[in-house]
Amino acid sequence: MTERFSVLTAPPGGLMTKEVGVVTGELELHTDADADGDLTMRIRYAGADEWYTVDGGPFRLFDPRDHEVLHEVLVALLHRPQP
């Protein structure tokens, strides 16, 4: 499958990771799905070297072809304006 990367601003309260807890600010989201539908979601501070695992997994797609659409949905949900 194709890896996807997007830069976004963290939602209020940040985004929980397994390694360092909550991260905030400008972040880069990386997603990837293998042929079995296992989805990898990682996040890092934009421009940083170290990636962190998004808490809440493991994640699995019913159909791995949904990966690109799911990535775009995740970015829209995490980056949407707050009321």
N, C-alpha and C. Protein backbone atom coordinates (compact mmCIF):
# COMPACT_ATOMS: atom_id res chain seq x y z
N MET A 1 0.83 -1.18 0.00
CA MET A 1 0.00 0.00 0.00
C MET A 1 0.88 1.25 0.00
N THR A 2 0.25 2.35 -0.19
CA THR A 2 0.95 3.62 -0.26
C THR A 2 0.94 4.32 1.08
N GLU A 3 2.09 4.75 1.52
CA GLU A 3 2.17 5.55 2.74
C GLU A 3 1.58 6.92 2.47
N ARG A 4 0.97 7.49 3.49
CA ARG A 4 0.40 8.83 3.38
C ARG A 4 0.95 9.69 4.49
N PHE A 5 1.25 10.96 4.18
CA PHE A 5 1.77 11.92 5.15
C PHE A 5 0.97 13.21 5.02
N SER A 6 0.62 13.83 6.15
CA SER A 6 -0.05 15.13 6.15
C SER A 6 0.38 15.93 7.37
N VAL A 7 0.48 17.25 7.20
CA VAL A 7 0.76 18.15 8.31
C VAL A 7 -0.55 18.74 8.77
N LEU A 8 -0.74 18.81 10.11
CA LEU A 8 -1.97 19.36 10.67
C LEU A 8 -1.67 19.98 12.01
N THR A 9 -2.60 20.77 12.50
CA THR A 9 -2.52 21.33 13.84
C THR A 9 -3.32 20.41 14.76
N ALA A 10 -2.72 20.05 15.88
CA ALA A 10 -3.39 19.13 16.81
C ALA A 10 -4.71 19.72 17.28
N PRO A 11 -5.69 18.86 17.53
CA PRO A 11 -6.97 19.33 18.07
C PRO A 11 -6.78 19.81 19.51
N PRO A 12 -7.75 20.56 20.04
CA PRO A 12 -7.65 20.97 21.44
C PRO A 12 -7.45 19.75 22.34
N GLY A 13 -6.53 19.83 23.26
CA GLY A 13 -6.22 18.71 24.13
C GLY A 13 -5.14 17.81 23.57
N GLY A 14 -4.74 18.04 22.30
CA GLY A 14 -3.66 17.28 21.70
C GLY A 14 -4.06 15.90 21.23
N LEU A 15 -3.07 15.11 20.94
CA LEU A 15 -3.25 13.76 20.42
C LEU A 15 -2.43 12.81 21.28
N MET A 16 -3.06 11.76 21.79
CA MET A 16 -2.39 10.82 22.71
C MET A 16 -1.52 9.83 21.95
N THR A 17 -0.29 9.67 22.44
CA THR A 17 0.63 8.69 21.88
C THR A 17 1.00 7.67 22.95
N LYS A 18 1.46 6.50 22.52
CA LYS A 18 1.85 5.45 23.45
C LYS A 18 3.17 5.76 24.14
N GLU A 19 4.07 6.45 23.43
CA GLU A 19 5.42 6.64 23.95
C GLU A 19 5.57 7.85 24.87
N VAL A 20 4.97 8.98 24.53
CA VAL A 20 5.23 10.22 25.28
C VAL A 20 3.97 10.91 25.79
N GLY A 21 2.82 10.26 25.68
CA GLY A 21 1.58 10.89 26.12
C GLY A 21 1.06 11.86 25.06
N VAL A 22 0.53 12.99 25.51
CA VAL A 22 -0.13 13.94 24.61
C VAL A 22 0.90 14.80 23.87
N VAL A 23 0.68 14.96 22.55
CA VAL A 23 1.47 15.88 21.74
C VAL A 23 0.53 16.95 21.20
N THR A 24 1.04 18.16 21.09
CA THR A 24 0.24 19.30 20.63
C THR A 24 1.01 20.09 19.59
N GLY A 25 0.34 21.06 19.00
CA GLY A 25 1.01 21.94 18.05
C GLY A 25 0.91 21.44 16.62
N GLU A 26 1.88 21.85 15.81
CA GLU A 26 1.91 21.44 14.41
C GLU A 26 2.52 20.05 14.32
N LEU A 27 1.75 19.11 13.78
CA LEU A 27 2.14 17.70 13.74
C LEU A 27 2.11 17.17 12.32
N GLU A 28 2.81 16.07 12.12
CA GLU A 28 2.75 15.36 10.85
C GLU A 28 2.19 13.97 11.13
N LEU A 29 1.16 13.59 10.38
CA LEU A 29 0.52 12.29 10.51
C LEU A 29 1.02 11.38 9.40
N HIS A 30 1.41 10.17 9.76
CA HIS A 30 1.83 9.15 8.81
C HIS A 30 0.92 7.95 8.98
N THR A 31 0.33 7.47 7.89
CA THR A 31 -0.46 6.24 7.93
C THR A 31 0.05 5.30 6.83
N ASP A 32 -0.12 4.01 7.10
CA ASP A 32 0.24 3.00 6.13
C ASP A 32 -0.61 1.77 6.43
N ALA A 33 -0.99 1.03 5.40
CA ALA A 33 -1.76 -0.20 5.58
C ALA A 33 -1.13 -1.29 4.75
N ASP A 34 -1.02 -2.48 5.35
CA ASP A 34 -0.47 -3.60 4.59
C ASP A 34 -1.59 -4.34 3.86
N ALA A 35 -1.23 -5.37 3.14
CA ALA A 35 -2.20 -6.10 2.31
C ALA A 35 -3.29 -6.77 3.13
N ASP A 36 -3.04 -7.02 4.42
CA ASP A 36 -4.04 -7.63 5.30
C ASP A 36 -4.96 -6.61 5.95
N GLY A 37 -4.67 -5.32 5.74
CA GLY A 37 -5.50 -4.27 6.32
C GLY A 37 -4.99 -3.74 7.64
N ASP A 38 -3.84 -4.25 8.14
CA ASP A 38 -3.27 -3.71 9.36
C ASP A 38 -2.81 -2.29 9.11
N LEU A 39 -3.33 -1.37 9.91
CA LEU A 39 -3.08 0.06 9.72
C LEU A 39 -2.09 0.56 10.75
N THR A 40 -1.09 1.28 10.29
CA THR A 40 -0.13 1.94 11.16
C THR A 40 -0.43 3.43 11.15
N MET A 41 -0.55 4.02 12.36
CA MET A 41 -0.75 5.47 12.48
C MET A 41 0.32 6.00 13.41
N ARG A 42 1.14 6.90 12.88
CA ARG A 42 2.21 7.51 13.68
C ARG A 42 2.10 9.02 13.54
N ILE A 43 2.67 9.71 14.54
CA ILE A 43 2.62 11.17 14.56
C ILE A 43 3.98 11.68 15.01
N ARG A 44 4.36 12.85 14.56
CA ARG A 44 5.58 13.51 15.05
C ARG A 44 5.36 15.00 14.98
N TYR A 45 6.18 15.72 15.73
CA TYR A 45 6.17 17.17 15.58
C TYR A 45 6.67 17.48 14.18
N ALA A 46 6.01 18.39 13.49
CA ALA A 46 6.38 18.70 12.10
C ALA A 46 7.86 19.04 12.01
N GLY A 47 8.56 18.34 11.13
CA GLY A 47 9.98 18.57 10.92
C GLY A 47 10.90 17.81 11.85
N ALA A 48 10.36 17.13 12.85
CA ALA A 48 11.18 16.36 13.80
C ALA A 48 11.57 15.01 13.20
N ASP A 49 12.48 14.32 13.86
CA ASP A 49 12.93 13.02 13.39
C ASP A 49 12.16 11.86 14.02
N GLU A 50 11.75 12.00 15.27
CA GLU A 50 11.18 10.89 16.02
C GLU A 50 9.67 10.78 15.82
N TRP A 51 9.22 9.56 15.48
CA TRP A 51 7.80 9.26 15.30
C TRP A 51 7.25 8.60 16.56
N TYR A 52 5.95 8.84 16.85
CA TYR A 52 5.27 8.24 17.99
C TYR A 52 4.03 7.51 17.49
N THR A 53 3.69 6.42 18.16
CA THR A 53 2.52 5.63 17.80
C THR A 53 1.26 6.27 18.37
N VAL A 54 0.26 6.49 17.54
CA VAL A 54 -1.02 7.03 18.00
C VAL A 54 -1.68 5.98 18.88
N ASP A 55 -2.11 6.40 20.08
CA ASP A 55 -2.71 5.48 21.04
C ASP A 55 -4.08 5.01 20.54
N GLY A 56 -4.46 3.79 20.94
CA GLY A 56 -5.79 3.29 20.63
C GLY A 56 -5.83 2.08 19.74
N GLY A 57 -4.69 1.65 19.20
CA GLY A 57 -4.69 0.53 18.28
C GLY A 57 -4.72 -0.80 18.99
N PRO A 58 -4.61 -1.90 18.30
CA PRO A 58 -4.30 -1.97 16.87
C PRO A 58 -5.50 -1.60 16.00
N PHE A 59 -5.18 -1.10 14.83
CA PHE A 59 -6.19 -0.68 13.88
C PHE A 59 -6.15 -1.61 12.68
N ARG A 60 -7.32 -1.98 12.18
CA ARG A 60 -7.39 -2.86 11.01
C ARG A 60 -8.51 -2.40 10.10
N LEU A 61 -8.20 -2.33 8.82
CA LEU A 61 -9.18 -1.97 7.80
C LEU A 61 -9.83 -3.24 7.25
N PHE A 62 -11.12 -3.20 7.04
CA PHE A 62 -11.82 -4.32 6.41
C PHE A 62 -11.28 -4.52 4.99
N ASP A 63 -11.06 -3.41 4.30
CA ASP A 63 -10.53 -3.44 2.94
C ASP A 63 -9.33 -2.50 2.87
N PRO A 64 -8.12 -2.99 2.66
CA PRO A 64 -6.93 -2.14 2.62
C PRO A 64 -7.01 -1.01 1.59
N ARG A 65 -7.86 -1.14 0.59
CA ARG A 65 -8.01 -0.07 -0.40
C ARG A 65 -8.60 1.19 0.21
N ASP A 66 -9.19 1.08 1.41
CA ASP A 66 -9.79 2.23 2.08
C ASP A 66 -8.75 3.12 2.76
N HIS A 67 -7.49 2.73 2.73
CA HIS A 67 -6.45 3.46 3.45
C HIS A 67 -6.38 4.93 3.08
N GLU A 68 -6.32 5.25 1.80
CA GLU A 68 -6.17 6.65 1.38
C GLU A 68 -7.35 7.50 1.84
N VAL A 69 -8.55 6.97 1.72
CA VAL A 69 -9.75 7.70 2.16
C VAL A 69 -9.72 7.89 3.67
N LEU A 70 -9.36 6.85 4.40
CA LEU A 70 -9.30 6.95 5.85
C LEU A 70 -8.28 7.99 6.28
N HIS A 71 -7.14 8.05 5.63
CA HIS A 71 -6.14 9.05 5.96
C HIS A 71 -6.73 10.46 5.83
N GLU A 72 -7.41 10.72 4.74
CA GLU A 72 -8.00 12.04 4.54
C GLU A 72 -9.07 12.35 5.58
N VAL A 73 -9.86 11.35 5.96
CA VAL A 73 -10.88 11.54 7.01
C VAL A 73 -10.20 11.85 8.34
N LEU A 74 -9.14 11.13 8.68
CA LEU A 74 -8.42 11.39 9.93
C LEU A 74 -7.89 12.81 9.97
N VAL A 75 -7.28 13.26 8.89
CA VAL A 75 -6.75 14.63 8.83
C VAL A 75 -7.89 15.63 9.01
N ALA A 76 -9.01 15.42 8.34
CA ALA A 76 -10.14 16.35 8.45
C ALA A 76 -10.69 16.38 9.87
N LEU A 77 -10.79 15.23 10.53
CA LEU A 77 -11.31 15.18 11.90
C LEU A 77 -10.34 15.82 12.89
N LEU A 78 -9.06 15.57 12.72
CA LEU A 78 -8.07 16.10 13.67
C LEU A 78 -7.80 17.58 13.45
N HIS A 79 -8.04 18.08 12.26
CA HIS A 79 -7.67 19.46 11.92
C HIS A 79 -8.89 20.38 11.80
N ARG A 80 -10.08 19.89 12.11
CA ARG A 80 -11.27 20.70 11.91
C ARG A 80 -11.36 21.83 12.94
N PRO A 81 -11.95 22.96 12.53
CA PRO A 81 -12.13 24.08 13.46
C PRO A 81 -13.06 23.68 14.61
N GLN A 82 -12.76 24.21 15.77
CA GLN A 82 -13.59 23.91 16.94
C GLN A 82 -14.72 24.93 17.06
N PRO A 83 -15.87 24.48 17.61
CA PRO A 83 -17.02 25.40 17.76
C PRO A 83 -16.75 26.49 18.76
